[in-house]
Every structure is written in C-alpha cells, then in structure tokens.
Amino acid sequence: MEVRLTAVFKKVPEGYIGLVEELPGANTRGNTLEEARESLFEAVRLVLQANGSPSEESLKGREVIREPLLVCAA
C-alpha cells in the first residue's frame, strides 16, 4: 500500500524543522535538511504504528470490512 503525504520543512537558526501536513503529531527537527528528512520519516513510521496498534487490537477476532477511502480536500 502506498500513501502519499506532504512533508514541509522550514529553515530555522538551529537547522530545520519538519512536519507532515496530513498527519498531526509527525514533526521533527534536524541540524541539516537531510537529518530532518530522516527523522521525519521515522516519526511518520512511529505515529502510524502507534495509531494502528490500538485499532488492530480492538478488531481482533471480529468480522470487519476493509476498503480504500479516498478523501479530496478543496
């Protein structure tokens, strides 16, 4: 499965800060842009993992329907 998200980086005196527009809680900083990118990738992975685990546990053993969801924002 491929998910496209938008990473935003801002230069600050300490280096760079980064965040993902579509994923609250996924933000980071780095001394260089490359450090900020790598750190943001890891932050996204951790946020998705943390958010997915509780829902998986609550659905365990239950019959569910999974389907793609496309959301278009204006």
N, C-alpha and C. Protein backbone atom coordinates (compact mmCIF):
# COMPACT_ATOMS: atom_id res chain seq x y z
N MET A 1 0.85 -1.18 0.00
CA MET A 1 0.00 0.00 0.00
C MET A 1 0.89 1.24 0.00
N GLU A 2 0.54 2.18 -0.83
CA GLU A 2 1.29 3.43 -0.91
C GLU A 2 0.40 4.57 -0.44
N VAL A 3 0.94 5.39 0.44
CA VAL A 3 0.24 6.56 0.94
C VAL A 3 1.11 7.77 0.63
N ARG A 4 0.52 8.78 0.04
CA ARG A 4 1.28 10.00 -0.27
C ARG A 4 0.94 11.07 0.77
N LEU A 5 1.97 11.56 1.41
CA LEU A 5 1.83 12.61 2.41
C LEU A 5 2.69 13.79 2.00
N THR A 6 2.46 14.94 2.62
CA THR A 6 3.21 16.13 2.27
C THR A 6 4.12 16.53 3.43
N ALA A 7 5.42 16.44 3.18
CA ALA A 7 6.41 16.88 4.16
C ALA A 7 6.70 18.36 3.93
N VAL A 8 6.76 19.12 5.02
CA VAL A 8 7.05 20.55 4.95
C VAL A 8 8.27 20.80 5.84
N PHE A 9 9.28 21.47 5.29
CA PHE A 9 10.49 21.78 6.04
C PHE A 9 10.68 23.29 6.08
N LYS A 10 11.12 23.78 7.24
CA LYS A 10 11.35 25.21 7.41
C LYS A 10 12.74 25.40 8.00
N LYS A 11 13.50 26.29 7.40
CA LYS A 11 14.83 26.63 7.91
C LYS A 11 14.67 27.53 9.13
N VAL A 12 15.34 27.15 10.20
CA VAL A 12 15.36 27.94 11.44
C VAL A 12 16.82 28.10 11.86
N PRO A 13 17.11 29.01 12.78
CA PRO A 13 18.51 29.21 13.18
C PRO A 13 19.22 27.93 13.66
N GLU A 14 18.47 27.00 14.25
CA GLU A 14 19.05 25.77 14.79
C GLU A 14 19.19 24.68 13.73
N GLY A 15 18.68 24.89 12.53
CA GLY A 15 18.71 23.86 11.48
C GLY A 15 17.41 23.86 10.69
N TYR A 16 16.70 22.73 10.75
CA TYR A 16 15.42 22.61 10.03
C TYR A 16 14.39 21.93 10.92
N ILE A 17 13.15 22.37 10.78
CA ILE A 17 12.04 21.66 11.40
C ILE A 17 11.22 21.07 10.26
N GLY A 18 10.61 19.95 10.54
CA GLY A 18 9.80 19.30 9.52
C GLY A 18 8.50 18.79 10.13
N LEU A 19 7.47 18.77 9.30
CA LEU A 19 6.18 18.25 9.73
C LEU A 19 5.47 17.65 8.53
N VAL A 20 4.45 16.87 8.81
CA VAL A 20 3.63 16.29 7.75
C VAL A 20 2.25 16.91 7.86
N GLU A 21 1.82 17.58 6.81
CA GLU A 21 0.55 18.31 6.83
C GLU A 21 -0.63 17.41 7.19
N GLU A 22 -0.66 16.21 6.66
CA GLU A 22 -1.82 15.34 6.82
C GLU A 22 -1.77 14.46 8.07
N LEU A 23 -0.71 14.56 8.86
CA LEU A 23 -0.55 13.65 9.98
C LEU A 23 -0.13 14.39 11.24
N PRO A 24 -1.10 14.88 12.01
CA PRO A 24 -0.77 15.58 13.25
C PRO A 24 0.10 14.70 14.16
N GLY A 25 1.08 15.30 14.76
CA GLY A 25 1.96 14.56 15.66
C GLY A 25 3.24 14.10 14.99
N ALA A 26 3.29 14.15 13.67
CA ALA A 26 4.51 13.77 12.96
C ALA A 26 5.29 15.04 12.65
N ASN A 27 6.22 15.36 13.53
CA ASN A 27 7.06 16.53 13.32
C ASN A 27 8.42 16.27 13.95
N THR A 28 9.42 17.01 13.51
CA THR A 28 10.77 16.75 13.97
C THR A 28 11.68 17.94 13.67
N ARG A 29 12.95 17.78 13.99
CA ARG A 29 13.95 18.79 13.67
C ARG A 29 15.26 18.08 13.36
N GLY A 30 16.14 18.80 12.69
CA GLY A 30 17.47 18.27 12.38
C GLY A 30 18.43 19.41 12.16
N ASN A 31 19.70 19.13 12.36
CA ASN A 31 20.72 20.15 12.12
C ASN A 31 20.84 20.46 10.63
N THR A 32 20.58 19.44 9.80
CA THR A 32 20.63 19.61 8.35
C THR A 32 19.28 19.19 7.78
N LEU A 33 19.04 19.55 6.53
CA LEU A 33 17.80 19.14 5.88
C LEU A 33 17.73 17.62 5.79
N GLU A 34 18.84 16.98 5.48
CA GLU A 34 18.86 15.51 5.39
C GLU A 34 18.53 14.87 6.73
N GLU A 35 19.08 15.39 7.82
CA GLU A 35 18.75 14.88 9.16
C GLU A 35 17.27 15.04 9.45
N ALA A 36 16.72 16.19 9.12
CA ALA A 36 15.30 16.44 9.35
C ALA A 36 14.44 15.47 8.53
N ARG A 37 14.83 15.21 7.28
CA ARG A 37 14.09 14.26 6.43
C ARG A 37 14.10 12.86 7.04
N GLU A 38 15.27 12.40 7.43
CA GLU A 38 15.40 11.05 8.01
C GLU A 38 14.60 10.94 9.29
N SER A 39 14.69 11.95 10.12
CA SER A 39 13.97 11.95 11.39
C SER A 39 12.46 11.99 11.17
N LEU A 40 12.02 12.76 10.17
CA LEU A 40 10.59 12.85 9.89
C LEU A 40 10.06 11.52 9.37
N PHE A 41 10.82 10.85 8.54
CA PHE A 41 10.42 9.53 8.06
C PHE A 41 10.18 8.58 9.23
N GLU A 42 11.10 8.59 10.20
CA GLU A 42 10.97 7.74 11.38
C GLU A 42 9.76 8.17 12.23
N ALA A 43 9.55 9.47 12.36
CA ALA A 43 8.40 9.97 13.13
C ALA A 43 7.09 9.51 12.51
N VAL A 44 6.99 9.56 11.19
CA VAL A 44 5.77 9.10 10.50
C VAL A 44 5.56 7.62 10.76
N ARG A 45 6.62 6.84 10.65
CA ARG A 45 6.52 5.40 10.90
C ARG A 45 6.01 5.12 12.31
N LEU A 46 6.55 5.84 13.29
CA LEU A 46 6.15 5.63 14.68
C LEU A 46 4.71 6.07 14.94
N VAL A 47 4.31 7.20 14.38
CA VAL A 47 2.93 7.68 14.56
C VAL A 47 1.94 6.68 13.94
N LEU A 48 2.23 6.21 12.73
CA LEU A 48 1.34 5.26 12.08
C LEU A 48 1.29 3.95 12.85
N GLN A 49 2.42 3.50 13.35
CA GLN A 49 2.47 2.27 14.13
C GLN A 49 1.67 2.43 15.43
N ALA A 50 1.85 3.55 16.13
CA ALA A 50 1.15 3.78 17.39
C ALA A 50 -0.36 3.91 17.18
N ASN A 51 -0.76 4.58 16.10
CA ASN A 51 -2.19 4.76 15.84
C ASN A 51 -2.84 3.49 15.33
N GLY A 52 -2.09 2.64 14.65
CA GLY A 52 -2.66 1.42 14.09
C GLY A 52 -2.82 0.31 15.10
N SER A 53 -1.92 0.21 16.07
CA SER A 53 -1.95 -0.88 17.03
C SER A 53 -3.23 -0.94 17.86
N PRO A 54 -3.70 0.17 18.44
CA PRO A 54 -4.94 0.09 19.22
C PRO A 54 -6.14 -0.36 18.40
N SER A 55 -6.26 0.13 17.16
CA SER A 55 -7.41 -0.26 16.35
C SER A 55 -7.32 -1.73 15.96
N GLU A 56 -6.13 -2.23 15.66
CA GLU A 56 -5.97 -3.64 15.32
C GLU A 56 -6.37 -4.52 16.50
N GLU A 57 -5.98 -4.13 17.70
CA GLU A 57 -6.33 -4.91 18.88
C GLU A 57 -7.84 -4.95 19.10
N SER A 58 -8.51 -3.82 18.90
CA SER A 58 -9.96 -3.77 19.14
C SER A 58 -10.74 -4.54 18.08
N LEU A 59 -10.14 -4.78 16.92
CA LEU A 59 -10.81 -5.51 15.85
C LEU A 59 -10.45 -6.98 15.81
N LYS A 60 -9.51 -7.40 16.61
CA LYS A 60 -9.01 -8.77 16.60
C LYS A 60 -10.16 -9.76 16.83
N GLY A 61 -10.26 -10.71 15.92
CA GLY A 61 -11.28 -11.76 16.05
C GLY A 61 -12.67 -11.35 15.59
N ARG A 62 -12.83 -10.15 15.09
CA ARG A 62 -14.14 -9.67 14.63
C ARG A 62 -14.19 -9.66 13.11
N GLU A 63 -15.38 -9.85 12.59
CA GLU A 63 -15.56 -9.76 11.15
C GLU A 63 -15.68 -8.30 10.78
N VAL A 64 -14.80 -7.84 9.90
CA VAL A 64 -14.79 -6.44 9.51
C VAL A 64 -14.71 -6.33 7.99
N ILE A 65 -15.06 -5.18 7.50
CA ILE A 65 -14.94 -4.87 6.07
C ILE A 65 -13.88 -3.79 5.95
N ARG A 66 -12.87 -4.05 5.12
CA ARG A 66 -11.83 -3.05 4.86
C ARG A 66 -11.93 -2.65 3.40
N GLU A 67 -11.86 -1.35 3.16
CA GLU A 67 -11.92 -0.85 1.79
C GLU A 67 -11.14 0.45 1.69
N PRO A 68 -10.65 0.79 0.50
CA PRO A 68 -9.94 2.05 0.33
C PRO A 68 -10.85 3.24 0.60
N LEU A 69 -10.27 4.30 1.11
CA LEU A 69 -11.01 5.52 1.38
C LEU A 69 -10.26 6.67 0.74
N LEU A 70 -10.88 7.32 -0.22
CA LEU A 70 -10.27 8.45 -0.90
C LEU A 70 -10.93 9.73 -0.41
N VAL A 71 -10.14 10.63 0.10
CA VAL A 71 -10.65 11.91 0.60
C VAL A 71 -10.00 13.01 -0.19
N CYS A 72 -10.79 13.87 -0.77
CA CYS A 72 -10.30 15.01 -1.53
C CYS A 72 -10.68 16.29 -0.80
N ALA A 73 -9.68 17.06 -0.45
CA ALA A 73 -9.94 18.32 0.23
C ALA A 73 -9.92 19.45 -0.78
N ALA A 74 -10.80 20.40 -0.58
CA ALA A 74 -10.89 21.53 -1.50
C ALA A 74 -9.81 22.54 -1.23
